């Protein structure tokens, strides 16, 4: 769903503006935890982690093991990344997600850091 689609809920633009207006991580967390249930937060966090590991070249098996995501979820995230505008990838790189602690080599070897 994007803002340019004809049947986009009117509240989506407001939600994006509200989330984007957060000035600190604590403020953003407060907004998100008010809007989403704990389960929705966990699901969103899992999808972001899956995306990061896909970007790092991890296999589905490794991603499923470390995130608990099903292969169907991993496939959906992969397709979303392929069809997307690259914004999640850009954001993950901006926050330095590709650091050594999360490298493909460390996950594949079973450790959490190099």
PDB file of N, CA and C in Angstrom:
ATOM      1  N   UNK A   1       0.841  -1.170   0.000  1.00  0.00           N
ATOM      2  CA  UNK A   1       0.000   0.000   0.000  1.00  0.00           C
ATOM      3  C   UNK A   1       0.891   1.240   0.000  1.00  0.00           C
ATOM      4  N   UNK A   2       0.583   2.150  -0.900  1.00  0.00           N
ATOM      5  CA  UNK A   2       1.326   3.406  -0.950  1.00  0.00           C
ATOM      6  C   UNK A   2       0.335   4.566  -0.946  1.00  0.00           C
ATOM      7  N   UNK A   3       0.838   5.730  -0.686  1.00  0.00           N
ATOM      8  CA  UNK A   3      -0.020   6.916  -0.647  1.00  0.00           C
ATOM      9  C   UNK A   3      -0.610   7.249  -2.013  1.00  0.00           C
ATOM     10  N   UNK A   4       0.020   6.783  -3.091  1.00  0.00           N
ATOM     11  CA  UNK A   4      -0.469   7.107  -4.430  1.00  0.00           C
ATOM     12  C   UNK A   4      -1.568   6.164  -4.909  1.00  0.00           C
ATOM     13  N   UNK A   5      -1.820   5.067  -4.197  1.00  0.00           N
ATOM     14  CA  UNK A   5      -2.872   4.144  -4.606  1.00  0.00           C
ATOM     15  C   UNK A   5      -4.238   4.775  -4.333  1.00  0.00           C
ATOM     16  N   UNK A   6      -5.211   4.544  -5.234  1.00  0.00           N
ATOM     17  CA  UNK A   6      -6.509   5.219  -5.105  1.00  0.00           C
ATOM     18  C   UNK A   6      -7.297   4.857  -3.843  1.00  0.00           C
ATOM     19  N   UNK A   7      -7.174   3.658  -3.333  1.00  0.00           N
ATOM     20  CA  UNK A   7      -7.968   3.245  -2.176  1.00  0.00           C
ATOM     21  C   UNK A   7      -7.175   3.243  -0.876  1.00  0.00           C
ATOM     22  N   UNK A   8      -6.123   4.038  -0.829  1.00  0.00           N
ATOM     23  CA  UNK A   8      -5.311   4.131   0.377  1.00  0.00           C
ATOM     24  C   UNK A   8      -6.134   4.767   1.492  1.00  0.00           C
ATOM     25  N   UNK A   9      -6.141   4.148   2.674  1.00  0.00           N
ATOM     26  CA  UNK A   9      -6.874   4.769   3.791  1.00  0.00           C
ATOM     27  C   UNK A   9      -6.342   6.170   4.078  1.00  0.00           C
ATOM     28  N   UNK A  10      -7.248   7.091   4.347  1.00  0.00           N
ATOM     29  CA  UNK A  10      -6.847   8.484   4.600  1.00  0.00           C
ATOM     30  C   UNK A  10      -5.915   8.594   5.790  1.00  0.00           C
ATOM     31  N   UNK A  11      -6.066   7.711   6.754  1.00  0.00           N
ATOM     32  CA  UNK A  11      -5.235   7.762   7.947  1.00  0.00           C
ATOM     33  C   UNK A  11      -3.785   7.395   7.715  1.00  0.00           C
ATOM     34  N   UNK A  12      -3.477   6.749   6.575  1.00  0.00           N
ATOM     35  CA  UNK A  12      -2.093   6.342   6.325  1.00  0.00           C
ATOM     36  C   UNK A  12      -1.163   7.544   6.233  1.00  0.00           C
ATOM     37  N   UNK A  13      -1.583   8.575   5.526  1.00  0.00           N
ATOM     38  CA  UNK A  13      -0.746   9.771   5.405  1.00  0.00           C
ATOM     39  C   UNK A  13      -0.514  10.390   6.784  1.00  0.00           C
ATOM     40  N   UNK A  14      -1.558  10.422   7.594  1.00  0.00           N
ATOM     41  CA  UNK A  14      -1.422  10.968   8.946  1.00  0.00           C
ATOM     42  C   UNK A  14      -0.475  10.098   9.780  1.00  0.00           C
ATOM     43  N   UNK A  15      -0.634   8.787   9.694  1.00  0.00           N
ATOM     44  CA  UNK A  15       0.258   7.884  10.424  1.00  0.00           C
ATOM     45  C   UNK A  15       1.712   8.127  10.046  1.00  0.00           C
ATOM     46  N   UNK A  16       1.984   8.232   8.761  1.00  0.00           N
ATOM     47  CA  UNK A  16       3.360   8.450   8.311  1.00  0.00           C
ATOM     48  C   UNK A  16       3.900   9.789   8.797  1.00  0.00           C
ATOM     49  N   UNK A  17       3.060  10.818   8.775  1.00  0.00           N
ATOM     50  CA  UNK A  17       3.505  12.126   9.280  1.00  0.00           C
ATOM     51  C   UNK A  17       3.777  12.071  10.778  1.00  0.00           C
ATOM     52  N   UNK A  18       2.910  11.387  11.521  1.00  0.00           N
ATOM     53  CA  UNK A  18       3.092  11.294  12.977  1.00  0.00           C
ATOM     54  C   UNK A  18       4.378  10.529  13.304  1.00  0.00           C
ATOM     55  N   UNK A  19       4.581   9.387  12.671  1.00  0.00           N
ATOM     56  CA  UNK A  19       5.796   8.602  12.927  1.00  0.00           C
ATOM     57  C   UNK A  19       7.028   9.403  12.518  1.00  0.00           C
ATOM     58  N   UNK A  20       6.942  10.061  11.370  1.00  0.00           N
ATOM     59  CA  UNK A  20       8.075  10.856  10.897  1.00  0.00           C
ATOM     60  C   UNK A  20       8.372  12.079  11.741  1.00  0.00           C
ATOM     61  N   UNK A  21       7.408  12.505  12.536  1.00  0.00           N
ATOM     62  CA  UNK A  21       7.627  13.688  13.367  1.00  0.00           C
ATOM     63  C   UNK A  21       8.355  13.375  14.673  1.00  0.00           C
ATOM     64  N   UNK A  22       8.472  12.109  15.000  1.00  0.00           N
ATOM     65  CA  UNK A  22       9.156  11.743  16.249  1.00  0.00           C
ATOM     66  C   UNK A  22      10.578  12.295  16.226  1.00  0.00           C
ATOM     67  N   UNK A  23      10.987  12.908  17.328  1.00  0.00           N
ATOM     68  CA  UNK A  23      12.297  13.553  17.371  1.00  0.00           C
ATOM     69  C   UNK A  23      13.351  12.730  18.095  1.00  0.00           C
ATOM     70  N   UNK A  24      12.938  11.672  18.766  1.00  0.00           N
ATOM     71  CA  UNK A  24      13.894  10.803  19.450  1.00  0.00           C
ATOM     72  C   UNK A  24      13.446   9.356  19.271  1.00  0.00           C
ATOM     73  N   UNK A  25      14.349   8.410  19.442  1.00  0.00           N
ATOM     74  CA  UNK A  25      13.938   6.998  19.400  1.00  0.00           C
ATOM     75  C   UNK A  25      12.862   6.676  20.436  1.00  0.00           C
ATOM     76  N   UNK A  26      12.960   7.261  21.627  1.00  0.00           N
ATOM     77  CA  UNK A  26      11.940   7.013  22.653  1.00  0.00           C
ATOM     78  C   UNK A  26      10.569   7.511  22.205  1.00  0.00           C
ATOM     79  N   UNK A  27      10.555   8.669  21.567  1.00  0.00           N
ATOM     80  CA  UNK A  27       9.295   9.221  21.072  1.00  0.00           C
ATOM     81  C   UNK A  27       8.705   8.319  19.993  1.00  0.00           C
ATOM     82  N   UNK A  28       9.544   7.848  19.079  1.00  0.00           N
ATOM     83  CA  UNK A  28       9.071   6.964  18.016  1.00  0.00           C
ATOM     84  C   UNK A  28       8.552   5.663  18.614  1.00  0.00           C
ATOM     85  N   UNK A  29       9.267   5.116  19.594  1.00  0.00           N
ATOM     86  CA  UNK A  29       8.799   3.901  20.248  1.00  0.00           C
ATOM     87  C   UNK A  29       7.436   4.137  20.895  1.00  0.00           C
ATOM     88  N   UNK A  30       7.275   5.276  21.535  1.00  0.00           N
ATOM     89  CA  UNK A  30       6.002   5.599  22.160  1.00  0.00           C
ATOM     90  C   UNK A  30       4.863   5.666  21.166  1.00  0.00           C
ATOM     91  N   UNK A  31       5.124   6.263  20.010  1.00  0.00           N
ATOM     92  CA  UNK A  31       4.101   6.351  18.967  1.00  0.00           C
ATOM     93  C   UNK A  31       3.758   4.949  18.465  1.00  0.00           C
ATOM     94  N   UNK A  32       4.783   4.183  18.138  1.00  0.00           N
ATOM     95  CA  UNK A  32       4.546   2.856  17.559  1.00  0.00           C
ATOM     96  C   UNK A  32       3.869   1.910  18.534  1.00  0.00           C
ATOM     97  N   UNK A  33       4.259   1.950  19.799  1.00  0.00           N
ATOM     98  CA  UNK A  33       3.638   1.047  20.767  1.00  0.00           C
ATOM     99  C   UNK A  33       2.208   1.462  21.105  1.00  0.00           C
ATOM    100  N   UNK A  34       1.866   2.701  20.828  1.00  0.00           N
ATOM    101  CA  UNK A  34       0.485   3.144  21.005  1.00  0.00           C
ATOM    102  C   UNK A  34      -0.386   2.670  19.847  1.00  0.00           C
ATOM    103  N   UNK A  35       0.182   2.675  18.655  1.00  0.00           N
ATOM    104  CA  UNK A  35      -0.563   2.340  17.450  1.00  0.00           C
ATOM    105  C   UNK A  35      -0.618   0.825  17.214  1.00  0.00           C
ATOM    106  N   UNK A  36       0.473   0.141  17.461  1.00  0.00           N
ATOM    107  CA  UNK A  36       0.572  -1.300  17.189  1.00  0.00           C
ATOM    108  C   UNK A  36       0.464  -2.106  18.474  1.00  0.00           C
ATOM    109  N   UNK A  37      -0.047  -3.318  18.340  1.00  0.00           N
ATOM    110  CA  UNK A  37      -0.045  -4.260  19.454  1.00  0.00           C
ATOM    111  C   UNK A  37       1.368  -4.801  19.623  1.00  0.00           C
ATOM    112  N   UNK A  38       1.681  -5.409  20.765  1.00  0.00           N
ATOM    113  CA  UNK A  38       3.007  -6.027  20.919  1.00  0.00           C
ATOM    114  C   UNK A  38       3.295  -7.058  19.821  1.00  0.00           C
ATOM    115  N   UNK A  39       2.299  -7.809  19.414  1.00  0.00           N
ATOM    116  CA  UNK A  39       2.501  -8.797  18.352  1.00  0.00           C
ATOM    117  C   UNK A  39       2.829  -8.158  17.020  1.00  0.00           C
ATOM    118  N   UNK A  40       2.158  -7.053  16.708  1.00  0.00           N
ATOM    119  CA  UNK A  40       2.447  -6.333  15.465  1.00  0.00           C
ATOM    120  C   UNK A  40       3.853  -5.749  15.498  1.00  0.00           C
ATOM    121  N   UNK A  41       4.272  -5.264  16.657  1.00  0.00           N
ATOM    122  CA  UNK A  41       5.637  -4.736  16.803  1.00  0.00           C
ATOM    123  C   UNK A  41       6.655  -5.854  16.566  1.00  0.00           C
ATOM    124  N   UNK A  42       6.410  -7.016  17.178  1.00  0.00           N
ATOM    125  CA  UNK A  42       7.324  -8.155  16.992  1.00  0.00           C
ATOM    126  C   UNK A  42       7.378  -8.571  15.526  1.00  0.00           C
ATOM    127  N   UNK A  43       6.216  -8.630  14.863  1.00  0.00           N
ATOM    128  CA  UNK A  43       6.185  -9.020  13.455  1.00  0.00           C
ATOM    129  C   UNK A  43       6.956  -8.032  12.589  1.00  0.00           C
ATOM    130  N   UNK A  44       6.755  -6.744  12.829  1.00  0.00           N
ATOM    131  CA  UNK A  44       7.461  -5.727  12.047  1.00  0.00           C
ATOM    132  C   UNK A  44       8.965  -5.808  12.296  1.00  0.00           C
ATOM    133  N   UNK A  45       9.349  -5.989  13.561  1.00  0.00           N
ATOM    134  CA  UNK A  45      10.770  -6.095  13.897  1.00  0.00           C
ATOM    135  C   UNK A  45      11.387  -7.322  13.232  1.00  0.00           C
ATOM    136  N   UNK A  46      10.641  -8.422  13.224  1.00  0.00           N
ATOM    137  CA  UNK A  46      11.142  -9.645  12.593  1.00  0.00           C
ATOM    138  C   UNK A  46      11.357  -9.415  11.101  1.00  0.00           C
ATOM    139  N   UNK A  47      10.425  -8.733  10.448  1.00  0.00           N
ATOM    140  CA  UNK A  47      10.561  -8.485   9.005  1.00  0.00           C
ATOM    141  C   UNK A  47      11.760  -7.596   8.695  1.00  0.00           C
ATOM    142  N   UNK A  48      12.009  -6.612   9.539  1.00  0.00           N
ATOM    143  CA  UNK A  48      13.180  -5.754   9.338  1.00  0.00           C
ATOM    144  C   UNK A  48      14.457  -6.572   9.520  1.00  0.00           C
ATOM    145  N   UNK A  49      14.486  -7.431  10.524  1.00  0.00           N
ATOM    146  CA  UNK A  49      15.654  -8.296  10.744  1.00  0.00           C
ATOM    147  C   UNK A  49      15.852  -9.243   9.566  1.00  0.00           C
ATOM    148  N   UNK A  50      14.763  -9.807   9.054  1.00  0.00           N
ATOM    149  CA  UNK A  50      14.842 -10.676   7.875  1.00  0.00           C
ATOM    150  C   UNK A  50      15.425  -9.896   6.698  1.00  0.00           C
ATOM    151  N   UNK A  51      14.933  -8.686   6.475  1.00  0.00           N
ATOM    152  CA  UNK A  51      15.438  -7.866   5.372  1.00  0.00           C
ATOM    153  C   UNK A  51      16.931  -7.605   5.519  1.00  0.00           C
ATOM    154  N   UNK A  52      17.364  -7.286   6.731  1.00  0.00           N
ATOM    155  CA  UNK A  52      18.790  -7.024   6.967  1.00  0.00           C
ATOM    156  C   UNK A  52      19.621  -8.259   6.652  1.00  0.00           C
ATOM    157  N   UNK A  53      19.153  -9.403   7.092  1.00  0.00           N
ATOM    158  CA  UNK A  53      19.922 -10.623   6.842  1.00  0.00           C
ATOM    159  C   UNK A  53      19.900 -11.010   5.365  1.00  0.00           C
ATOM    160  N   UNK A  54      18.795 -10.759   4.671  1.00  0.00           N
ATOM    161  CA  UNK A  54      18.767 -10.985   3.218  1.00  0.00           C
ATOM    162  C   UNK A  54      19.778 -10.089   2.525  1.00  0.00           C
ATOM    163  N   UNK A  55      19.844  -8.830   2.943  1.00  0.00           N
ATOM    164  CA  UNK A  55      20.807  -7.896   2.359  1.00  0.00           C
ATOM    165  C   UNK A  55      22.239  -8.369   2.582  1.00  0.00           C
ATOM    166  N   UNK A  56      22.465  -9.039   3.706  1.00  0.00           N
ATOM    167  CA  UNK A  56      23.803  -9.526   4.045  1.00  0.00           C
ATOM    168  C   UNK A  56      24.131 -10.841   3.352  1.00  0.00           C
ATOM    169  N   UNK A  57      23.175 -11.405   2.615  1.00  0.00           N
ATOM    170  CA  UNK A  57      23.420 -12.624   1.867  1.00  0.00           C
ATOM    171  C   UNK A  57      23.183 -13.908   2.644  1.00  0.00           C
ATOM    172  N   UNK A  58      22.517 -13.827   3.770  1.00  0.00           N
ATOM    173  CA  UNK A  58      22.233 -15.033   4.549  1.00  0.00           C
ATOM    174  C   UNK A  58      21.253 -15.919   3.797  1.00  0.00           C
ATOM    175  N   UNK A  59      21.351 -17.212   4.014  1.00  0.00           N
ATOM    176  CA  UNK A  59      20.429 -18.162   3.408  1.00  0.00           C
ATOM    177  C   UNK A  59      19.112 -18.171   4.173  1.00  0.00           C
ATOM    178  N   UNK A  60      18.079 -18.683   3.523  1.00  0.00           N
ATOM    179  CA  UNK A  60      16.780 -18.807   4.195  1.00  0.00           C
ATOM    180  C   UNK A  60      16.922 -19.632   5.466  1.00  0.00           C
ATOM    181  N   UNK A  61      17.703 -20.695   5.398  1.00  0.00           N
ATOM    182  CA  UNK A  61      17.883 -21.570   6.567  1.00  0.00           C
ATOM    183  C   UNK A  61      18.478 -20.803   7.747  1.00  0.00           C
ATOM    184  N   UNK A  62      19.499 -20.022   7.488  1.00  0.00           N
ATOM    185  CA  UNK A  62      20.144 -19.240   8.545  1.00  0.00           C
ATOM    186  C   UNK A  62      19.173 -18.186   9.086  1.00  0.00           C
ATOM    187  N   UNK A  63      18.474 -17.502   8.185  1.00  0.00           N
ATOM    188  CA  UNK A  63      17.531 -16.470   8.606  1.00  0.00           C
ATOM    189  C   UNK A  63      16.412 -17.070   9.450  1.00  0.00           C
ATOM    190  N   UNK A  64      15.860 -18.177   8.992  1.00  0.00           N
ATOM    191  CA  UNK A  64      14.781 -18.828   9.739  1.00  0.00           C
ATOM    192  C   UNK A  64      15.259 -19.247  11.124  1.00  0.00           C
ATOM    193  N   UNK A  65      16.459 -19.773  11.196  1.00  0.00           N
ATOM    194  CA  UNK A  65      17.007 -20.223  12.484  1.00  0.00           C
ATOM    195  C   UNK A  65      17.182 -19.063  13.465  1.00  0.00           C
ATOM    196  N   UNK A  66      17.697 -17.945  12.986  1.00  0.00           N
ATOM    197  CA  UNK A  66      18.022 -16.840  13.885  1.00  0.00           C
ATOM    198  C   UNK A  66      16.880 -15.866  14.143  1.00  0.00           C
ATOM    199  N   UNK A  67      15.873 -15.865  13.272  1.00  0.00           N
ATOM    200  CA  UNK A  67      14.767 -14.919  13.472  1.00  0.00           C
ATOM    201  C   UNK A  67      13.467 -15.607  13.866  1.00  0.00           C
ATOM    202  N   UNK A  68      13.374 -16.900  13.589  1.00  0.00           N
ATOM    203  CA  UNK A  68      12.122 -17.611  13.834  1.00  0.00           C
ATOM    204  C   UNK A  68      11.104 -17.384  12.734  1.00  0.00           C
ATOM    205  N   UNK A  69      11.484 -16.668  11.680  1.00  0.00           N
ATOM    206  CA  UNK A  69      10.569 -16.398  10.569  1.00  0.00           C
ATOM    207  C   UNK A  69      10.376 -17.657   9.735  1.00  0.00           C
ATOM    208  N   UNK A  70       9.177 -17.826   9.227  1.00  0.00           N
ATOM    209  CA  UNK A  70       8.911 -18.939   8.322  1.00  0.00           C
ATOM    210  C   UNK A  70       9.534 -18.629   6.960  1.00  0.00           C
ATOM    211  N   UNK A  71       9.725 -19.660   6.162  1.00  0.00           N
ATOM    212  CA  UNK A  71      10.266 -19.424   4.821  1.00  0.00           C
ATOM    213  C   UNK A  71       9.279 -18.603   3.990  1.00  0.00           C
ATOM    214  N   UNK A  72       7.976 -18.736   4.265  1.00  0.00           N
ATOM    215  CA  UNK A  72       6.991 -17.915   3.552  1.00  0.00           C
ATOM    216  C   UNK A  72       7.193 -16.435   3.873  1.00  0.00           C
ATOM    217  N   UNK A  73       7.433 -16.114   5.143  1.00  0.00           N
ATOM    218  CA  UNK A  73       7.690 -14.722   5.534  1.00  0.00           C
ATOM    219  C   UNK A  73       8.968 -14.218   4.889  1.00  0.00           C
ATOM    220  N   UNK A  74      10.006 -15.039   4.898  1.00  0.00           N
ATOM    221  CA  UNK A  74      11.281 -14.644   4.290  1.00  0.00           C
ATOM    222  C   UNK A  74      11.078 -14.371   2.805  1.00  0.00           C
ATOM    223  N   UNK A  75      10.313 -15.220   2.128  1.00  0.00           N
ATOM    224  CA  UNK A  75      10.041 -15.023   0.699  1.00  0.00           C
ATOM    225  C   UNK A  75       9.268 -13.731   0.460  1.00  0.00           C
ATOM    226  N   UNK A  76       8.270 -13.452   1.312  1.00  0.00           N
ATOM    227  CA  UNK A  76       7.496 -12.210   1.166  1.00  0.00           C
ATOM    228  C   UNK A  76       8.381 -10.991   1.339  1.00  0.00           C
ATOM    229  N   UNK A  77       9.259 -11.037   2.333  1.00  0.00           N
ATOM    230  CA  UNK A  77      10.167  -9.907   2.565  1.00  0.00           C
ATOM    231  C   UNK A  77      11.107  -9.751   1.369  1.00  0.00           C
ATOM    232  N   UNK A  78      11.635 -10.864   0.863  1.00  0.00           N
ATOM    233  CA  UNK A  78      12.528 -10.806  -0.300  1.00  0.00           C
ATOM    234  C   UNK A  78      11.813 -10.172  -1.491  1.00  0.00           C
ATOM    235  N   UNK A  79      10.578 -10.606  -1.754  1.00  0.00           N
ATOM    236  CA  UNK A  79       9.815 -10.028  -2.876  1.00  0.00           C
ATOM    237  C   UNK A  79       9.556  -8.538  -2.659  1.00  0.00           C
ATOM    238  N   UNK A  80       9.256  -8.169  -1.435  1.00  0.00           N
ATOM    239  CA  UNK A  80       9.038  -6.748  -1.132  1.00  0.00           C
ATOM    240  C   UNK A  80      10.297  -5.937  -1.382  1.00  0.00           C
ATOM    241  N   UNK A  81      11.439  -6.485  -0.997  1.00  0.00           N
ATOM    242  CA  UNK A  81      12.704  -5.788  -1.242  1.00  0.00           C
ATOM    243  C   UNK A  81      12.957  -5.642  -2.740  1.00  0.00           C
ATOM    244  N   UNK A  82      12.652  -6.698  -3.501  1.00  0.00           N
ATOM    245  CA  UNK A  82      12.877  -6.657  -4.948  1.00  0.00           C
ATOM    246  C   UNK A  82      11.967  -5.658  -5.641  1.00  0.00           C
ATOM    247  N   UNK A  83      10.740  -5.501  -5.154  1.00  0.00           N
ATOM    248  CA  UNK A  83       9.762  -4.601  -5.779  1.00  0.00           C
ATOM    249  C   UNK A  83       9.800  -3.200  -5.194  1.00  0.00           C
ATOM    250  N   UNK A  84      10.417  -3.057  -4.059  1.00  0.00           N
ATOM    251  CA  UNK A  84      10.386  -1.778  -3.355  1.00  0.00           C
ATOM    252  C   UNK A  84      11.271  -0.726  -3.988  1.00  0.00           C
ATOM    253  N   UNK A  85      11.216   0.442  -3.406  1.00  0.00           N
ATOM    254  CA  UNK A  85      11.984   1.589  -3.906  1.00  0.00           C
ATOM    255  C   UNK A  85      13.363   1.674  -3.268  1.00  0.00           C
ATOM    256  N   UNK A  86      13.720   0.687  -2.452  1.00  0.00           N
ATOM    257  CA  UNK A  86      15.036   0.687  -1.826  1.00  0.00           C
ATOM    258  C   UNK A  86      15.122   1.478  -0.536  1.00  0.00           C
ATOM    259  N   UNK A  87      13.995   1.911  -0.013  1.00  0.00           N
ATOM    260  CA  UNK A  87      14.013   2.757   1.192  1.00  0.00           C
ATOM    261  C   UNK A  87      14.424   1.987   2.450  1.00  0.00           C
ATOM    262  N   UNK A  88      13.954   0.748   2.598  1.00  0.00           N
ATOM    263  CA  UNK A  88      14.346  -0.020   3.777  1.00  0.00           C
ATOM    264  C   UNK A  88      15.839  -0.312   3.744  1.00  0.00           C
ATOM    265  N   UNK A  89      16.342  -0.690   2.577  1.00  0.00           N
ATOM    266  CA  UNK A  89      17.774  -0.946   2.448  1.00  0.00           C
ATOM    267  C   UNK A  89      18.575   0.305   2.796  1.00  0.00           C
ATOM    268  N   UNK A  90      18.130   1.435   2.282  1.00  0.00           N
ATOM    269  CA  UNK A  90      18.804   2.712   2.546  1.00  0.00           C
ATOM    270  C   UNK A  90      18.807   3.006   4.042  1.00  0.00           C
ATOM    271  N   UNK A  91      17.661   2.797   4.691  1.00  0.00           N
ATOM    272  CA  UNK A  91      17.557   3.057   6.128  1.00  0.00           C
ATOM    273  C   UNK A  91      18.436   2.101   6.930  1.00  0.00           C
ATOM    274  N   UNK A  92      18.454   0.827   6.545  1.00  0.00           N
ATOM    275  CA  UNK A  92      19.298  -0.136   7.261  1.00  0.00           C
ATOM    276  C   UNK A  92      20.772   0.229   7.133  1.00  0.00           C
ATOM    277  N   UNK A  93      21.182   0.643   5.957  1.00  0.00           N
ATOM    278  CA  UNK A  93      22.573   1.066   5.774  1.00  0.00           C
ATOM    279  C   UNK A  93      22.861   2.335   6.581  1.00  0.00           C
ATOM    280  N   UNK A  94      21.888   3.232   6.642  1.00  0.00           N
ATOM    281  CA  UNK A  94      22.062   4.483   7.376  1.00  0.00           C
ATOM    282  C   UNK A  94      22.303   4.225   8.860  1.00  0.00           C
ATOM    283  N   UNK A  95      21.616   3.258   9.427  1.00  0.00           N
ATOM    284  CA  UNK A  95      21.781   2.989  10.855  1.00  0.00           C
ATOM    285  C   UNK A  95      22.941   2.040  11.139  1.00  0.00           C
ATOM    286  N   UNK A  96      23.657   1.650  10.093  1.00  0.00           N
ATOM    287  CA  UNK A  96      24.847   0.829  10.292  1.00  0.00           C
ATOM    288  C   UNK A  96      24.547  -0.612  10.611  1.00  0.00           C
ATOM    289  N   UNK A  97      23.443  -1.140  10.078  1.00  0.00           N
ATOM    290  CA  UNK A  97      23.037  -2.510  10.380  1.00  0.00           C
ATOM    291  C   UNK A  97      24.035  -3.541   9.865  1.00  0.00           C
ATOM    292  N   UNK A  98      24.803  -3.181   8.880  1.00  0.00           N
ATOM    293  CA  UNK A  98      25.715  -4.145   8.282  1.00  0.00           C
ATOM    294  C   UNK A  98      27.044  -4.227   9.025  1.00  0.00           C
ATOM    295  N   UNK A  99      27.016  -4.017  10.332  1.00  0.00           N
ATOM    296  CA  UNK A  99      28.256  -4.085  11.093  1.00  0.00           C
ATOM    297  C   UNK A  99      28.674  -5.532  11.333  1.00  0.00           C
ATOM    298  N   UNK A 100      29.851  -5.729  11.871  1.00  0.00           N
ATOM    299  CA  UNK A 100      30.403  -7.074  12.047  1.00  0.00           C
ATOM    300  C   UNK A 100      29.561  -7.941  12.972  1.00  0.00           C
ATOM    301  N   UNK A 101      28.885  -7.343  13.937  1.00  0.00           N
ATOM    302  CA  UNK A 101      28.091  -8.123  14.881  1.00  0.00           C
ATOM    303  C   UNK A 101      27.030  -8.938  14.156  1.00  0.00           C
ATOM    304  N   UNK A 102      26.543  -8.428  13.046  1.00  0.00           N
ATOM    305  CA  UNK A 102      25.471  -9.090  12.332  1.00  0.00           C
ATOM    306  C   UNK A 102      25.909  -9.625  10.973  1.00  0.00           C
ATOM    307  N   UNK A 103      27.185  -9.800  10.775  1.00  0.00           N
ATOM    308  CA  UNK A 103      27.633 -10.225   9.454  1.00  0.00           C
ATOM    309  C   UNK A 103      27.161 -11.634   9.144  1.00  0.00           C
ATOM    310  N   UNK A 104      27.011 -11.917   7.862  1.00  0.00           N
ATOM    311  CA  UNK A 104      26.584 -13.235   7.405  1.00  0.00           C
ATOM    312  C   UNK A 104      27.532 -14.309   7.943  1.00  0.00           C
ATOM    313  N   UNK A 105      28.806 -14.020   7.951  1.00  0.00           N
ATOM    314  CA  UNK A 105      29.770 -15.018   8.413  1.00  0.00           C
ATOM    315  C   UNK A 105      29.538 -15.376   9.870  1.00  0.00           C
ATOM    316  N   UNK A 106      29.230 -14.391  10.704  1.00  0.00           N
ATOM    317  CA  UNK A 106      29.030 -14.700  12.119  1.00  0.00           C
ATOM    318  C   UNK A 106      27.733 -15.468  12.328  1.00  0.00           C
ATOM    319  N   UNK A 107      26.675 -15.116  11.580  1.00  0.00           N
ATOM    320  CA  UNK A 107      25.418 -15.860  11.723  1.00  0.00           C
ATOM    321  C   UNK A 107      25.598 -17.279  11.215  1.00  0.00           C
ATOM    322  N   UNK A 108      26.231 -17.426  10.069  1.00  0.00           N
ATOM    323  CA  UNK A 108      26.388 -18.743   9.473  1.00  0.00           C
ATOM    324  C   UNK A 108      27.214 -19.664  10.361  1.00  0.00           C
ATOM    325  N   UNK A 109      28.143 -19.091  11.109  1.00  0.00           N
ATOM    326  CA  UNK A 109      28.981 -19.925  11.958  1.00  0.00           C
ATOM    327  C   UNK A 109      28.313 -20.224  13.291  1.00  0.00           C
ATOM    328  N   UNK A 110      27.144 -19.608  13.532  1.00  0.00           N
ATOM    329  CA  UNK A 110      26.411 -19.880  14.763  1.00  0.00           C
ATOM    330  C   UNK A 110      26.674 -18.895  15.855  1.00  0.00           C
ATOM    331  N   UNK A 111      27.567 -17.933  15.641  1.00  0.00           N
ATOM    332  CA  UNK A 111      27.868 -16.946  16.658  1.00  0.00           C
ATOM    333  C   UNK A 111      27.148 -15.655  16.390  1.00  0.00           C
ATOM    334  N   UNK A 112      27.130 -14.786  17.367  1.00  0.00           N
ATOM    335  CA  UNK A 112      26.474 -13.503  17.198  1.00  0.00           C
ATOM    336  C   UNK A 112      27.453 -12.398  16.884  1.00  0.00           C
ATOM    337  N   UNK A 113      28.743 -12.679  16.999  1.00  0.00           N
ATOM    338  CA  UNK A 113      29.729 -11.647  16.671  1.00  0.00           C
ATOM    339  C   UNK A 113      30.992 -12.319  16.198  1.00  0.00           C
ATOM    340  N   UNK A 114      31.820 -11.546  15.496  1.00  0.00           N
ATOM    341  CA  UNK A 114      33.090 -12.092  14.974  1.00  0.00           C
ATOM    342  C   UNK A 114      34.182 -12.055  16.014  1.00  0.00           C
TER     343      UNK A 114
END
